[in-house]
C-alpha atoms as a PDB file:
ATOM      1  CA  UNK A   1       7.334 -13.669   0.421  1.00  0.00           C
ATOM      2  CA  UNK A   2       6.190 -12.339  -2.937  1.00  0.00           C
ATOM      3  CA  UNK A   3       8.193  -9.637  -4.668  1.00  0.00           C
ATOM      4  CA  UNK A   4       6.670  -6.359  -5.795  1.00  0.00           C
ATOM      5  CA  UNK A   5       8.197  -5.223  -9.071  1.00  0.00           C
ATOM      6  CA  UNK A   6       6.208  -2.109 -10.053  1.00  0.00           C
ATOM      7  CA  UNK A   7       4.850   0.961  -8.291  1.00  0.00           C
ATOM      8  CA  UNK A   8       1.381   0.122  -9.630  1.00  0.00           C
ATOM      9  CA  UNK A   9       1.543  -3.354  -8.088  1.00  0.00           C
ATOM     10  CA  UNK A  10       2.746  -1.832  -4.787  1.00  0.00           C
ATOM     11  CA  UNK A  11      -0.170   0.613  -4.704  1.00  0.00           C
ATOM     12  CA  UNK A  12      -2.715  -2.113  -5.464  1.00  0.00           C
ATOM     13  CA  UNK A  13      -1.319  -4.278  -2.659  1.00  0.00           C
ATOM     14  CA  UNK A  14      -1.172  -1.606   0.050  1.00  0.00           C
ATOM     15  CA  UNK A  15      -4.634  -0.281  -0.783  1.00  0.00           C
ATOM     16  CA  UNK A  16      -6.345  -3.590  -0.040  1.00  0.00           C
ATOM     17  CA  UNK A  17      -8.446  -4.262   3.049  1.00  0.00           C
ATOM     18  CA  UNK A  18      -5.982  -6.822   4.431  1.00  0.00           C
ATOM     19  CA  UNK A  19      -2.984  -5.665   6.454  1.00  0.00           C
ATOM     20  CA  UNK A  20       0.277  -6.187   4.577  1.00  0.00           C
ATOM     21  CA  UNK A  21       3.929  -6.057   5.499  1.00  0.00           C
ATOM     22  CA  UNK A  22       6.388  -4.842   2.918  1.00  0.00           C
ATOM     23  CA  UNK A  23      10.073  -5.523   3.458  1.00  0.00           C
ATOM     24  CA  UNK A  24      12.321  -3.031   1.703  1.00  0.00           C
ATOM     25  CA  UNK A  25      15.644  -4.689   0.880  1.00  0.00           C
ATOM     26  CA  UNK A  26      18.413  -4.972  -1.730  1.00  0.00           C
ATOM     27  CA  UNK A  27      20.503  -7.864  -2.988  1.00  0.00           C
ATOM     28  CA  UNK A  28      23.816  -6.323  -1.871  1.00  0.00           C
ATOM     29  CA  UNK A  29      22.621  -5.702   1.724  1.00  0.00           C
ATOM     30  CA  UNK A  30      24.182  -8.063   4.324  1.00  0.00           C
ATOM     31  CA  UNK A  31      21.559  -7.209   6.967  1.00  0.00           C
ATOM     32  CA  UNK A  32      18.822  -8.073   4.441  1.00  0.00           C
ATOM     33  CA  UNK A  33      20.429 -11.463   3.834  1.00  0.00           C
ATOM     34  CA  UNK A  34      20.653 -12.022   7.590  1.00  0.00           C
ATOM     35  CA  UNK A  35      16.945 -11.192   7.963  1.00  0.00           C
ATOM     36  CA  UNK A  36      16.114 -13.686   5.197  1.00  0.00           C
ATOM     37  CA  UNK A  37      17.755 -16.397   7.312  1.00  0.00           C
ATOM     38  CA  UNK A  38      15.386 -15.862  10.265  1.00  0.00           C
ATOM     39  CA  UNK A  39      12.194 -14.404   8.791  1.00  0.00           C
ATOM     40  CA  UNK A  40      10.302 -17.560   7.665  1.00  0.00           C
ATOM     41  CA  UNK A  41       9.128 -18.691  11.144  1.00  0.00           C
ATOM     42  CA  UNK A  42       8.100 -15.093  11.879  1.00  0.00           C
ATOM     43  CA  UNK A  43       6.041 -14.977   8.667  1.00  0.00           C
ATOM     44  CA  UNK A  44       4.318 -18.207   9.734  1.00  0.00           C
ATOM     45  CA  UNK A  45       3.586 -16.848  13.213  1.00  0.00           C
ATOM     46  CA  UNK A  46       2.281 -13.512  11.938  1.00  0.00           C
ATOM     47  CA  UNK A  47       0.193 -14.925   9.121  1.00  0.00           C
ATOM     48  CA  UNK A  48      -2.582 -12.382   9.644  1.00  0.00           C
ATOM     49  CA  UNK A  49      -0.402 -10.234   7.361  1.00  0.00           C
ATOM     50  CA  UNK A  50       0.321 -10.763   3.718  1.00  0.00           C
ATOM     51  CA  UNK A  51       4.088 -10.413   3.280  1.00  0.00           C
ATOM     52  CA  UNK A  52       5.854  -8.804   0.306  1.00  0.00           C
ATOM     53  CA  UNK A  53       9.275  -7.466  -0.490  1.00  0.00           C
ATOM     54  CA  UNK A  54      10.529  -4.581  -2.598  1.00  0.00           C
ATOM     55  CA  UNK A  55      14.030  -4.145  -3.956  1.00  0.00           C
ATOM     56  CA  UNK A  56      14.812  -0.598  -2.903  1.00  0.00           C
ATOM     57  CA  UNK A  57      17.255  -0.161  -5.776  1.00  0.00           C
ATOM     58  CA  UNK A  58      14.667  -1.148  -8.387  1.00  0.00           C
ATOM     59  CA  UNK A  59      11.909   1.102  -7.009  1.00  0.00           C
ATOM     60  CA  UNK A  60      13.751   3.970  -5.267  1.00  0.00           C
ATOM     61  CA  UNK A  61      10.748   6.293  -5.603  1.00  0.00           C
ATOM     62  CA  UNK A  62       8.749   4.034  -3.265  1.00  0.00           C
ATOM     63  CA  UNK A  63      11.529   4.024  -0.683  1.00  0.00           C
ATOM     64  CA  UNK A  64      11.650   7.817  -0.822  1.00  0.00           C
ATOM     65  CA  UNK A  65       7.855   8.204  -0.697  1.00  0.00           C
ATOM     66  CA  UNK A  66       7.552   5.999   2.410  1.00  0.00           C
ATOM     67  CA  UNK A  67      10.674   7.378   4.167  1.00  0.00           C
ATOM     68  CA  UNK A  68      12.738   4.202   4.004  1.00  0.00           C
ATOM     69  CA  UNK A  69      16.165   5.535   4.926  1.00  0.00           C
ATOM     70  CA  UNK A  70      17.853   2.182   5.603  1.00  0.00           C
ATOM     71  CA  UNK A  71      17.354  -1.449   4.763  1.00  0.00           C
ATOM     72  CA  UNK A  72      16.004  -3.860   5.679  1.00  0.00           C
ATOM     73  CA  UNK A  73      12.901  -2.017   6.824  1.00  0.00           C
ATOM     74  CA  UNK A  74       9.482  -3.506   7.495  1.00  0.00           C
ATOM     75  CA  UNK A  75       6.445  -1.336   6.808  1.00  0.00           C
ATOM     76  CA  UNK A  76       2.900  -2.289   7.720  1.00  0.00           C
ATOM     77  CA  UNK A  77       0.064  -0.955   5.572  1.00  0.00           C
ATOM     78  CA  UNK A  78      -3.686  -1.140   5.816  1.00  0.00           C
ATOM     79  CA  UNK A  79      -6.150   0.562   3.474  1.00  0.00           C
ATOM     80  CA  UNK A  80      -3.311   2.506   1.828  1.00  0.00           C
ATOM     81  CA  UNK A  81      -1.963   3.984   5.062  1.00  0.00           C
ATOM     82  CA  UNK A  82       1.341   3.135   6.716  1.00  0.00           C
ATOM     83  CA  UNK A  83       0.457   2.019  10.231  1.00  0.00           C
ATOM     84  CA  UNK A  84       3.942   1.048  11.460  1.00  0.00           C
ATOM     85  CA  UNK A  85       7.586   1.157  10.350  1.00  0.00           C
ATOM     86  CA  UNK A  86      10.452  -0.923  11.711  1.00  0.00           C
ATOM     87  CA  UNK A  87      13.591   0.938  10.690  1.00  0.00           C
ATOM     88  CA  UNK A  88      16.709  -0.931   9.644  1.00  0.00           C
ATOM     89  CA  UNK A  89      18.665  -0.164  12.819  1.00  0.00           C
ATOM     90  CA  UNK A  90      16.005  -2.020  14.812  1.00  0.00           C
ATOM     91  CA  UNK A  91      15.500  -4.921  12.375  1.00  0.00           C
ATOM     92  CA  UNK A  92      18.697  -6.885  12.928  1.00  0.00           C
ATOM     93  CA  UNK A  93      17.458  -9.798  15.041  1.00  0.00           C
ATOM     94  CA  UNK A  94      14.457 -12.122  15.192  1.00  0.00           C
ATOM     95  CA  UNK A  95      13.715 -10.771  18.670  1.00  0.00           C
ATOM     96  CA  UNK A  96      13.543  -7.159  17.508  1.00  0.00           C
ATOM     97  CA  UNK A  97      11.252  -8.088  14.613  1.00  0.00           C
ATOM     98  CA  UNK A  98       8.889 -10.154  16.776  1.00  0.00           C
ATOM     99  CA  UNK A  99       8.804  -7.431  19.454  1.00  0.00           C
ATOM    100  CA  UNK A 100       7.821  -4.923  16.777  1.00  0.00           C
ATOM    101  CA  UNK A 101       5.117  -7.197  15.374  1.00  0.00           C
ATOM    102  CA  UNK A 102       3.688  -8.179  18.759  1.00  0.00           C
ATOM    103  CA  UNK A 103       3.394  -4.498  19.660  1.00  0.00           C
ATOM    104  CA  UNK A 104       1.169  -4.031  16.572  1.00  0.00           C
ATOM    105  CA  UNK A 105      -1.372  -6.541  17.879  1.00  0.00           C
ATOM    106  CA  UNK A 106      -2.179  -4.366  20.870  1.00  0.00           C
END
């Protein structure tokens, strides 16, 4: 998962034609660390997305703009629009993440 380090980079990535998933996280977040332990097979399975992460503490304006109230949160973007948002309360297990992603295929 590639890290996004500037708002300009974020905007370039989400405005592309390909669907992208951006994980909002922070280094101090235990749930973010837990997600890191199970996310790799999910990334492989859902490889139709390009995956990125953003440190919420380094780019708080992006978290505010896209209504990220808790971390980790997964946001799906296509053509600059947010098409789905898995909020932190629902992102604590591999099952909840895969259920969210499989629902997006429909």
